[in-house]
N, C-alpha and C. Protein backbone atom coordinates (compact mmCIF):
# COMPACT_ATOMS: atom_id res chain seq x y z
N MET A 1 81.11 -114.56 3.12
CA MET A 1 79.90 -113.80 3.19
C MET A 1 79.25 -114.07 4.53
N ASN A 2 78.76 -112.99 5.16
CA ASN A 2 78.13 -113.13 6.47
C ASN A 2 76.73 -113.71 6.30
N LYS A 3 76.42 -114.57 7.20
CA LYS A 3 75.09 -115.16 7.17
C LYS A 3 74.15 -114.30 8.01
N ILE A 4 72.96 -114.12 7.50
CA ILE A 4 71.95 -113.35 8.23
C ILE A 4 71.18 -114.34 9.08
N SER A 5 70.95 -113.95 10.31
CA SER A 5 70.25 -114.84 11.22
C SER A 5 68.81 -115.04 10.75
N LYS A 6 68.27 -116.14 11.20
CA LYS A 6 66.90 -116.47 10.85
C LYS A 6 65.95 -115.37 11.35
N ARG A 7 66.22 -114.89 12.51
CA ARG A 7 65.37 -113.84 13.11
C ARG A 7 65.40 -112.57 12.25
N ALA A 8 66.56 -112.15 11.77
CA ALA A 8 66.70 -110.95 10.94
C ALA A 8 65.98 -111.15 9.61
N ARG A 9 66.08 -112.38 9.04
CA ARG A 9 65.39 -112.65 7.78
C ARG A 9 63.88 -112.59 7.96
N VAL A 10 63.36 -113.08 9.05
CA VAL A 10 61.91 -113.06 9.31
C VAL A 10 61.44 -111.61 9.48
N LEU A 11 62.21 -110.81 10.23
CA LEU A 11 61.82 -109.41 10.44
C LEU A 11 61.88 -108.62 9.14
N THR A 12 62.91 -108.84 8.34
CA THR A 12 63.04 -108.13 7.06
C THR A 12 61.92 -108.55 6.12
N GLY A 13 61.64 -109.84 6.06
CA GLY A 13 60.57 -110.33 5.21
C GLY A 13 59.22 -109.76 5.64
N GLY A 14 59.00 -109.67 6.93
CA GLY A 14 57.75 -109.11 7.45
C GLY A 14 57.61 -107.64 7.08
N ALA A 15 58.70 -106.89 7.14
CA ALA A 15 58.66 -105.47 6.79
C ALA A 15 58.37 -105.30 5.30
N VAL A 16 59.01 -106.13 4.47
CA VAL A 16 58.78 -106.05 3.02
C VAL A 16 57.32 -106.41 2.72
N LEU A 17 56.80 -107.44 3.34
CA LEU A 17 55.42 -107.85 3.13
C LEU A 17 54.46 -106.72 3.55
N ALA A 18 54.72 -106.08 4.67
CA ALA A 18 53.86 -104.98 5.13
C ALA A 18 53.88 -103.83 4.14
N ALA A 19 55.05 -103.51 3.59
CA ALA A 19 55.15 -102.42 2.62
C ALA A 19 54.37 -102.74 1.35
N VAL A 20 54.46 -103.99 0.88
CA VAL A 20 53.74 -104.39 -0.33
C VAL A 20 52.24 -104.33 -0.10
N VAL A 21 51.77 -104.79 1.05
CA VAL A 21 50.34 -104.77 1.36
C VAL A 21 49.86 -103.33 1.45
N ALA A 22 50.62 -102.47 2.13
CA ALA A 22 50.22 -101.06 2.27
C ALA A 22 50.18 -100.38 0.91
N GLY A 23 51.14 -100.65 0.05
CA GLY A 23 51.16 -100.06 -1.28
C GLY A 23 49.99 -100.51 -2.11
N THR A 24 49.66 -101.80 -2.03
CA THR A 24 48.53 -102.34 -2.78
C THR A 24 47.23 -101.74 -2.28
N PHE A 25 47.09 -101.66 -0.97
CA PHE A 25 45.88 -101.09 -0.39
C PHE A 25 45.73 -99.62 -0.79
N GLY A 26 46.83 -98.88 -0.76
CA GLY A 26 46.81 -97.47 -1.15
C GLY A 26 46.42 -97.30 -2.60
N ALA A 27 46.93 -98.14 -3.48
CA ALA A 27 46.59 -98.03 -4.90
C ALA A 27 45.13 -98.35 -5.14
N VAL A 28 44.62 -99.35 -4.45
CA VAL A 28 43.22 -99.70 -4.60
C VAL A 28 42.35 -98.57 -4.06
N SER A 29 42.72 -98.00 -2.91
CA SER A 29 41.94 -96.91 -2.32
C SER A 29 41.94 -95.68 -3.22
N ALA A 30 43.08 -95.38 -3.82
CA ALA A 30 43.18 -94.20 -4.68
C ALA A 30 42.32 -94.34 -5.93
N ASN A 31 42.10 -95.57 -6.39
CA ASN A 31 41.32 -95.78 -7.59
C ASN A 31 39.84 -96.03 -7.30
N ALA A 32 39.50 -96.13 -6.05
CA ALA A 32 38.11 -96.40 -5.70
C ALA A 32 37.27 -95.17 -5.99
N ALA A 33 36.02 -95.40 -6.36
CA ALA A 33 35.11 -94.28 -6.62
C ALA A 33 34.79 -93.59 -5.31
N PRO A 34 34.70 -92.26 -5.34
CA PRO A 34 34.38 -91.56 -4.09
C PRO A 34 32.99 -91.94 -3.61
N ALA A 35 32.85 -91.96 -2.31
CA ALA A 35 31.56 -92.30 -1.72
C ALA A 35 30.57 -91.18 -2.02
N ALA A 36 29.34 -91.56 -2.25
CA ALA A 36 28.31 -90.56 -2.55
C ALA A 36 28.00 -89.78 -1.27
N ALA A 37 27.98 -88.45 -1.39
CA ALA A 37 27.66 -87.61 -0.25
C ALA A 37 26.15 -87.62 -0.05
N PRO A 38 25.74 -87.40 1.17
CA PRO A 38 24.28 -87.34 1.40
C PRO A 38 23.66 -86.26 0.52
N ALA A 39 22.48 -86.52 0.03
CA ALA A 39 21.81 -85.60 -0.90
C ALA A 39 21.65 -84.21 -0.30
N ALA A 40 21.34 -84.11 0.97
CA ALA A 40 21.11 -82.80 1.59
C ALA A 40 22.40 -81.96 1.61
N ALA A 41 23.54 -82.61 1.72
CA ALA A 41 24.79 -81.87 1.82
C ALA A 41 25.23 -81.30 0.47
N THR A 42 24.85 -81.92 -0.61
CA THR A 42 25.32 -81.47 -1.91
C THR A 42 24.31 -80.63 -2.67
N SER A 43 23.05 -80.64 -2.27
CA SER A 43 22.08 -79.85 -3.02
C SER A 43 22.16 -78.38 -2.60
N ALA A 44 21.90 -77.51 -3.54
CA ALA A 44 21.94 -76.07 -3.26
C ALA A 44 20.71 -75.66 -2.46
N ALA A 45 20.87 -74.55 -1.72
CA ALA A 45 19.73 -74.02 -0.97
C ALA A 45 18.67 -73.54 -1.95
N SER A 46 17.43 -73.72 -1.58
CA SER A 46 16.38 -73.26 -2.49
C SER A 46 16.32 -71.74 -2.46
N ASP A 47 15.82 -71.16 -3.53
CA ASP A 47 15.73 -69.70 -3.63
C ASP A 47 14.89 -69.10 -2.51
N ALA A 48 13.97 -69.85 -1.96
CA ALA A 48 13.14 -69.34 -0.87
C ALA A 48 13.95 -69.07 0.39
N ASN A 49 15.13 -69.67 0.49
CA ASN A 49 15.98 -69.49 1.67
C ASN A 49 17.04 -68.41 1.48
N LEU A 50 17.00 -67.70 0.38
CA LEU A 50 18.04 -66.72 0.07
C LEU A 50 17.47 -65.32 0.00
N THR A 51 18.32 -64.34 0.28
CA THR A 51 17.95 -62.94 0.10
C THR A 51 19.04 -62.27 -0.72
N THR A 52 18.67 -61.18 -1.31
CA THR A 52 19.63 -60.39 -2.07
C THR A 52 19.71 -59.02 -1.42
N SER A 53 20.91 -58.50 -1.28
CA SER A 53 21.05 -57.17 -0.70
C SER A 53 21.90 -56.30 -1.62
N THR A 54 21.72 -55.00 -1.46
CA THR A 54 22.41 -54.02 -2.28
C THR A 54 23.52 -53.39 -1.46
N HIS A 55 24.68 -53.26 -2.07
CA HIS A 55 25.83 -52.67 -1.38
C HIS A 55 26.48 -51.63 -2.27
N LEU A 56 27.07 -50.62 -1.64
CA LEU A 56 27.87 -49.65 -2.39
C LEU A 56 29.17 -50.30 -2.82
N THR A 57 29.65 -49.94 -3.98
CA THR A 57 30.98 -50.37 -4.38
C THR A 57 32.00 -49.51 -3.65
N VAL A 58 33.23 -49.96 -3.63
CA VAL A 58 34.31 -49.16 -3.03
C VAL A 58 34.44 -47.84 -3.78
N GLU A 59 34.27 -47.89 -5.09
CA GLU A 59 34.37 -46.67 -5.90
C GLU A 59 33.29 -45.67 -5.51
N ALA A 60 32.06 -46.15 -5.33
CA ALA A 60 30.96 -45.26 -4.95
C ALA A 60 31.17 -44.69 -3.54
N ALA A 61 31.62 -45.53 -2.63
CA ALA A 61 31.87 -45.06 -1.26
C ALA A 61 32.98 -44.01 -1.25
N THR A 62 33.99 -44.23 -2.05
CA THR A 62 35.09 -43.26 -2.14
C THR A 62 34.60 -41.95 -2.75
N LYS A 63 33.74 -42.05 -3.74
CA LYS A 63 33.17 -40.86 -4.37
C LYS A 63 32.38 -40.04 -3.35
N ALA A 64 31.57 -40.72 -2.55
CA ALA A 64 30.77 -40.04 -1.52
C ALA A 64 31.67 -39.40 -0.47
N ALA A 65 32.67 -40.13 -0.02
CA ALA A 65 33.58 -39.60 1.00
C ALA A 65 34.34 -38.39 0.47
N GLN A 66 34.82 -38.48 -0.75
CA GLN A 66 35.58 -37.37 -1.33
C GLN A 66 34.69 -36.14 -1.52
N ALA A 67 33.44 -36.35 -1.92
CA ALA A 67 32.51 -35.23 -2.09
C ALA A 67 32.25 -34.53 -0.75
N ALA A 68 32.10 -35.31 0.31
CA ALA A 68 31.89 -34.73 1.64
C ALA A 68 33.13 -33.96 2.09
N LEU A 69 34.29 -34.54 1.87
CA LEU A 69 35.55 -33.87 2.24
C LEU A 69 35.74 -32.59 1.44
N ASP A 70 35.42 -32.62 0.15
CA ASP A 70 35.54 -31.43 -0.71
C ASP A 70 34.58 -30.32 -0.25
N ALA A 71 33.36 -30.71 0.14
CA ALA A 71 32.39 -29.71 0.61
C ALA A 71 32.91 -29.03 1.88
N ALA A 72 33.52 -29.80 2.76
CA ALA A 72 34.08 -29.22 3.99
C ALA A 72 35.27 -28.32 3.68
N LYS A 73 36.08 -28.76 2.75
CA LYS A 73 37.27 -27.98 2.38
C LYS A 73 36.89 -26.61 1.81
N LYS A 74 35.80 -26.56 1.04
CA LYS A 74 35.32 -25.30 0.47
C LYS A 74 34.97 -24.29 1.55
N GLU A 75 34.60 -24.81 2.72
CA GLU A 75 34.23 -23.93 3.83
C GLU A 75 35.34 -23.88 4.89
N ASN A 76 36.54 -24.28 4.48
CA ASN A 76 37.72 -24.24 5.36
C ASN A 76 37.54 -25.04 6.65
N GLN A 77 36.85 -26.17 6.55
CA GLN A 77 36.65 -27.04 7.71
C GLN A 77 37.53 -28.27 7.59
N ARG A 78 38.11 -28.64 8.69
CA ARG A 78 39.01 -29.81 8.75
C ARG A 78 38.25 -30.97 9.39
N VAL A 79 37.89 -31.90 8.57
CA VAL A 79 37.03 -33.00 9.03
C VAL A 79 37.57 -34.36 8.59
N SER A 80 36.99 -35.38 9.19
CA SER A 80 37.17 -36.75 8.74
C SER A 80 35.83 -37.25 8.24
N VAL A 81 35.88 -38.15 7.26
CA VAL A 81 34.66 -38.69 6.65
C VAL A 81 34.76 -40.22 6.67
N ALA A 82 33.63 -40.86 6.97
CA ALA A 82 33.57 -42.32 6.93
C ALA A 82 32.32 -42.74 6.17
N VAL A 83 32.45 -43.83 5.44
CA VAL A 83 31.30 -44.45 4.78
C VAL A 83 31.28 -45.90 5.24
N VAL A 84 30.12 -46.32 5.78
CA VAL A 84 29.97 -47.69 6.25
C VAL A 84 28.88 -48.38 5.43
N ASP A 85 28.93 -49.71 5.39
CA ASP A 85 27.89 -50.47 4.68
C ASP A 85 26.69 -50.69 5.59
N ARG A 86 25.72 -51.42 5.09
CA ARG A 86 24.48 -51.66 5.82
C ARG A 86 24.71 -52.31 7.17
N ASN A 87 25.77 -53.10 7.27
CA ASN A 87 26.08 -53.80 8.52
C ASN A 87 26.97 -52.99 9.45
N GLY A 88 27.29 -51.77 9.05
CA GLY A 88 28.13 -50.92 9.89
C GLY A 88 29.62 -51.13 9.68
N ASN A 89 29.99 -51.95 8.71
CA ASN A 89 31.41 -52.17 8.42
C ASN A 89 31.94 -51.00 7.61
N THR A 90 33.09 -50.51 7.99
CA THR A 90 33.68 -49.37 7.30
C THR A 90 34.12 -49.77 5.90
N ILE A 91 33.67 -48.99 4.92
CA ILE A 91 34.10 -49.20 3.53
C ILE A 91 35.30 -48.30 3.24
N VAL A 92 35.18 -47.02 3.63
CA VAL A 92 36.27 -46.08 3.36
C VAL A 92 36.23 -44.97 4.41
N THR A 93 37.40 -44.48 4.78
CA THR A 93 37.51 -43.29 5.62
C THR A 93 38.56 -42.38 5.01
N LEU A 94 38.29 -41.09 5.12
CA LEU A 94 39.25 -40.08 4.68
C LEU A 94 39.42 -39.09 5.81
N ARG A 95 40.64 -38.83 6.17
CA ARG A 95 40.92 -37.83 7.20
C ARG A 95 41.47 -36.62 6.48
N GLY A 96 40.75 -35.51 6.56
CA GLY A 96 41.20 -34.29 5.92
C GLY A 96 42.43 -33.73 6.59
N ASP A 97 43.17 -32.95 5.85
CA ASP A 97 44.36 -32.31 6.41
C ASP A 97 43.97 -31.48 7.62
N GLY A 98 44.64 -31.70 8.73
CA GLY A 98 44.40 -30.93 9.94
C GLY A 98 43.20 -31.37 10.76
N ALA A 99 42.53 -32.45 10.39
CA ALA A 99 41.37 -32.92 11.16
C ALA A 99 41.84 -33.41 12.53
N GLY A 100 41.04 -33.14 13.54
CA GLY A 100 41.38 -33.55 14.90
C GLY A 100 41.41 -35.05 15.08
N PRO A 101 42.16 -35.52 16.06
CA PRO A 101 42.30 -36.98 16.26
C PRO A 101 40.99 -37.68 16.62
N GLN A 102 40.06 -36.97 17.25
CA GLN A 102 38.79 -37.57 17.63
C GLN A 102 37.84 -37.70 16.46
N SER A 103 38.11 -36.97 15.39
CA SER A 103 37.15 -36.90 14.28
C SER A 103 37.02 -38.22 13.53
N TYR A 104 38.08 -38.97 13.45
CA TYR A 104 38.06 -40.23 12.70
C TYR A 104 37.02 -41.19 13.29
N GLU A 105 37.15 -41.48 14.58
CA GLU A 105 36.23 -42.42 15.23
C GLU A 105 34.81 -41.87 15.28
N SER A 106 34.67 -40.57 15.49
CA SER A 106 33.35 -39.96 15.53
C SER A 106 32.65 -40.08 14.18
N ALA A 107 33.39 -39.90 13.09
CA ALA A 107 32.79 -40.01 11.75
C ALA A 107 32.27 -41.43 11.52
N VAL A 108 33.03 -42.43 11.92
CA VAL A 108 32.59 -43.83 11.76
C VAL A 108 31.33 -44.08 12.57
N LYS A 109 31.30 -43.61 13.81
CA LYS A 109 30.13 -43.83 14.67
C LYS A 109 28.90 -43.11 14.13
N LYS A 110 29.07 -41.91 13.60
CA LYS A 110 27.94 -41.18 13.04
C LYS A 110 27.39 -41.90 11.80
N ALA A 111 28.28 -42.40 10.96
CA ALA A 111 27.84 -43.15 9.78
C ALA A 111 27.08 -44.41 10.19
N TYR A 112 27.61 -45.12 11.18
CA TYR A 112 26.98 -46.34 11.69
C TYR A 112 25.59 -46.03 12.26
N THR A 113 25.49 -44.95 13.02
CA THR A 113 24.22 -44.57 13.63
C THR A 113 23.19 -44.22 12.56
N ALA A 114 23.62 -43.47 11.54
CA ALA A 114 22.70 -43.07 10.47
C ALA A 114 22.15 -44.27 9.71
N VAL A 115 23.00 -45.22 9.37
CA VAL A 115 22.51 -46.37 8.61
C VAL A 115 21.69 -47.31 9.50
N SER A 116 22.04 -47.39 10.78
CA SER A 116 21.30 -48.29 11.68
C SER A 116 19.85 -47.90 11.83
N TRP A 117 19.57 -46.59 11.87
CA TRP A 117 18.20 -46.12 12.03
C TRP A 117 17.64 -45.51 10.75
N ASN A 118 18.42 -45.51 9.68
CA ASN A 118 18.00 -44.96 8.39
C ASN A 118 17.44 -43.54 8.55
N ALA A 119 18.22 -42.73 9.30
CA ALA A 119 17.81 -41.35 9.54
C ALA A 119 19.06 -40.51 9.79
N PRO A 120 18.98 -39.23 9.46
CA PRO A 120 20.10 -38.34 9.78
C PRO A 120 20.31 -38.31 11.30
N THR A 121 21.55 -38.24 11.71
CA THR A 121 21.84 -38.28 13.14
C THR A 121 21.33 -37.06 13.88
N SER A 122 21.13 -35.94 13.19
CA SER A 122 20.56 -34.76 13.87
C SER A 122 19.13 -35.06 14.32
N GLU A 123 18.38 -35.79 13.51
CA GLU A 123 17.03 -36.20 13.90
C GLU A 123 17.07 -37.19 15.06
N LEU A 124 18.02 -38.09 15.00
CA LEU A 124 18.14 -39.09 16.05
C LEU A 124 18.56 -38.46 17.37
N ALA A 125 19.37 -37.41 17.33
CA ALA A 125 19.79 -36.73 18.55
C ALA A 125 18.58 -36.16 19.28
N LYS A 126 17.58 -35.73 18.54
CA LYS A 126 16.36 -35.19 19.15
C LYS A 126 15.60 -36.28 19.92
N ARG A 127 15.74 -37.52 19.50
CA ARG A 127 15.04 -38.62 20.17
C ARG A 127 15.59 -38.88 21.57
N LEU A 128 16.79 -38.39 21.83
CA LEU A 128 17.39 -38.60 23.15
C LEU A 128 16.58 -37.92 24.25
N GLU A 129 15.82 -36.90 23.88
CA GLU A 129 15.00 -36.20 24.88
C GLU A 129 13.96 -37.14 25.47
N THR A 130 13.40 -38.00 24.65
CA THR A 130 12.38 -38.93 25.14
C THR A 130 12.93 -40.31 25.46
N THR A 131 14.05 -40.66 24.85
CA THR A 131 14.66 -41.98 25.07
C THR A 131 16.16 -41.81 25.29
N PRO A 132 16.56 -41.33 26.46
CA PRO A 132 17.97 -41.02 26.69
C PRO A 132 18.90 -42.24 26.66
N ASN A 133 18.37 -43.42 26.89
CA ASN A 133 19.24 -44.61 26.89
C ASN A 133 19.68 -45.04 25.50
N LEU A 134 19.17 -44.42 24.44
CA LEU A 134 19.65 -44.72 23.08
C LEU A 134 21.16 -44.50 22.98
N LYS A 135 21.64 -43.49 23.68
CA LYS A 135 23.07 -43.15 23.60
C LYS A 135 23.95 -44.27 24.17
N ASP A 136 23.37 -45.22 24.87
CA ASP A 136 24.13 -46.31 25.47
C ASP A 136 24.37 -47.48 24.52
N ILE A 137 23.79 -47.42 23.34
CA ILE A 137 23.98 -48.51 22.37
C ILE A 137 25.40 -48.44 21.84
N PRO A 138 26.16 -49.52 21.95
CA PRO A 138 27.57 -49.51 21.53
C PRO A 138 27.75 -49.14 20.06
N GLY A 139 28.76 -48.33 19.81
CA GLY A 139 29.13 -47.97 18.44
C GLY A 139 28.37 -46.80 17.86
N THR A 140 27.40 -46.25 18.61
CA THR A 140 26.59 -45.17 18.09
C THR A 140 27.05 -43.81 18.62
N LEU A 141 26.68 -42.77 17.89
CA LEU A 141 26.96 -41.40 18.32
C LEU A 141 25.81 -40.52 17.84
N PHE A 142 25.06 -40.02 18.78
CA PHE A 142 23.87 -39.23 18.47
C PHE A 142 24.20 -37.74 18.45
N LEU A 143 24.97 -37.36 17.46
CA LEU A 143 25.32 -35.97 17.18
C LEU A 143 25.11 -35.75 15.69
N GLY A 144 24.76 -34.54 15.30
CA GLY A 144 24.61 -34.25 13.88
C GLY A 144 25.89 -34.56 13.13
N GLY A 145 25.73 -35.06 11.90
CA GLY A 145 26.89 -35.36 11.06
C GLY A 145 26.81 -36.69 10.34
N GLY A 146 25.74 -37.44 10.56
CA GLY A 146 25.57 -38.72 9.88
C GLY A 146 24.36 -38.68 8.97
N ALA A 147 24.50 -39.25 7.79
CA ALA A 147 23.40 -39.28 6.83
C ALA A 147 23.29 -40.68 6.22
N PRO A 148 22.07 -41.22 6.15
CA PRO A 148 21.91 -42.55 5.55
C PRO A 148 21.90 -42.48 4.03
N VAL A 149 22.29 -43.58 3.43
CA VAL A 149 22.19 -43.76 1.98
C VAL A 149 21.21 -44.90 1.79
N ASP A 150 20.19 -44.68 0.96
CA ASP A 150 19.26 -45.78 0.73
C ASP A 150 19.09 -46.05 -0.76
N ALA A 151 18.65 -47.25 -1.02
CA ALA A 151 18.36 -47.70 -2.38
C ALA A 151 17.15 -48.62 -2.29
N LYS A 152 16.21 -48.42 -3.17
CA LYS A 152 15.00 -49.24 -3.18
C LYS A 152 14.31 -49.21 -1.82
N ASN A 153 14.27 -48.02 -1.22
CA ASN A 153 13.61 -47.79 0.07
C ASN A 153 14.22 -48.57 1.22
N ALA A 154 15.50 -48.91 1.13
CA ALA A 154 16.17 -49.60 2.22
C ALA A 154 17.53 -48.98 2.46
N PRO A 155 17.95 -48.88 3.72
CA PRO A 155 19.28 -48.32 4.00
C PRO A 155 20.37 -49.26 3.52
N ILE A 156 21.36 -48.72 2.82
CA ILE A 156 22.46 -49.55 2.33
C ILE A 156 23.82 -49.06 2.81
N ALA A 157 23.88 -47.82 3.33
CA ALA A 157 25.15 -47.27 3.78
C ALA A 157 24.88 -46.04 4.63
N GLY A 158 25.93 -45.56 5.26
CA GLY A 158 25.86 -44.32 6.02
C GLY A 158 27.11 -43.52 5.76
N VAL A 159 26.95 -42.19 5.69
CA VAL A 159 28.08 -41.28 5.54
C VAL A 159 28.16 -40.48 6.83
N GLY A 160 29.32 -40.47 7.45
CA GLY A 160 29.51 -39.73 8.68
C GLY A 160 30.64 -38.72 8.53
N VAL A 161 30.43 -37.53 9.06
CA VAL A 161 31.45 -36.47 9.02
C VAL A 161 31.60 -35.94 10.43
N ALA A 162 32.84 -35.70 10.85
CA ALA A 162 33.11 -35.14 12.18
C ALA A 162 34.31 -34.22 12.10
N GLY A 163 34.26 -33.19 12.93
CA GLY A 163 35.40 -32.28 13.03
C GLY A 163 35.06 -30.82 12.83
N ALA A 164 33.93 -30.51 12.21
CA ALA A 164 33.52 -29.11 12.04
C ALA A 164 33.03 -28.62 13.41
N PRO A 165 32.93 -27.29 13.56
CA PRO A 165 32.52 -26.75 14.86
C PRO A 165 31.08 -27.07 15.26
N SER A 166 30.26 -27.56 14.34
CA SER A 166 28.88 -27.90 14.71
C SER A 166 28.43 -29.15 13.96
N GLY A 167 27.48 -29.84 14.58
CA GLY A 167 26.89 -31.01 13.93
C GLY A 167 26.13 -30.64 12.68
N ASP A 168 25.58 -29.43 12.65
CA ASP A 168 24.86 -28.98 11.45
C ASP A 168 25.80 -28.93 10.25
N LEU A 169 27.00 -28.40 10.46
CA LEU A 169 27.97 -28.35 9.36
C LEU A 169 28.40 -29.76 8.97
N ASP A 170 28.70 -30.59 9.96
CA ASP A 170 29.09 -31.97 9.67
C ASP A 170 28.02 -32.66 8.84
N GLU A 171 26.77 -32.47 9.22
CA GLU A 171 25.69 -33.13 8.50
C GLU A 171 25.52 -32.56 7.09
N LYS A 172 25.71 -31.27 6.94
CA LYS A 172 25.65 -30.65 5.61
C LYS A 172 26.69 -31.30 4.69
N PHE A 173 27.88 -31.55 5.20
CA PHE A 173 28.93 -32.18 4.40
C PHE A 173 28.61 -33.65 4.12
N ALA A 174 28.03 -34.33 5.10
CA ALA A 174 27.62 -35.73 4.90
C ALA A 174 26.55 -35.81 3.80
N GLN A 175 25.62 -34.87 3.82
CA GLN A 175 24.57 -34.85 2.80
C GLN A 175 25.17 -34.59 1.41
N ALA A 176 26.26 -33.80 1.36
CA ALA A 176 26.93 -33.59 0.07
C ALA A 176 27.50 -34.91 -0.44
N GLY A 177 27.99 -35.75 0.47
CA GLY A 177 28.48 -37.07 0.08
C GLY A 177 27.38 -37.95 -0.47
N VAL A 178 26.21 -37.92 0.20
CA VAL A 178 25.06 -38.71 -0.27
C VAL A 178 24.61 -38.20 -1.63
N ALA A 179 24.56 -36.89 -1.78
CA ALA A 179 24.11 -36.29 -3.05
C ALA A 179 25.03 -36.69 -4.21
N ALA A 180 26.31 -36.86 -3.95
CA ALA A 180 27.26 -37.25 -5.00
C ALA A 180 26.92 -38.63 -5.59
N LEU A 181 26.25 -39.45 -4.81
CA LEU A 181 25.86 -40.78 -5.29
C LEU A 181 24.67 -40.73 -6.22
N ASN A 182 23.92 -39.67 -6.14
CA ASN A 182 22.72 -39.52 -6.98
C ASN A 182 23.03 -38.86 -8.30
N GLY A 183 24.26 -38.40 -8.48
CA GLY A 183 24.59 -37.67 -9.71
C GLY A 183 25.31 -38.46 -10.74
């Protein structure tokens, strides 16, 4: 039988001892009670620091968009429709058969503009006469075709339509989308 050198025995014994100590320490640590978190980190925010907001459901947004698209289809208009939430985030878009490529983005911008100012975009377009730099605000489009949706006297969404030959028609279809939410 080969003899193991004294040096090898010391190194092996040291490694075994280190493994036993690490295992014991790990077992003790795993069974230790978790440290208490600071009270501020675990307590809930008080109700005074919270707000509640109203949002359209995806189903409601789809209903509004489809109603606007159907209104345009009845008049043989090829449009795109967008519904955005209060923050301008797109909830749903529908591109009608044959709608122009520019109509998609225009519908989103009109919806965003309507909800941002809680006014139809045709009214907002008139404001450009006195405040022409409004048109420079990113993401907005001051052309007829956007209508706000409100609940409890606050804007909660916008419906935008683009692609008809006039902003008046686009806005008429957007209003049909808003009206579908009231029925």
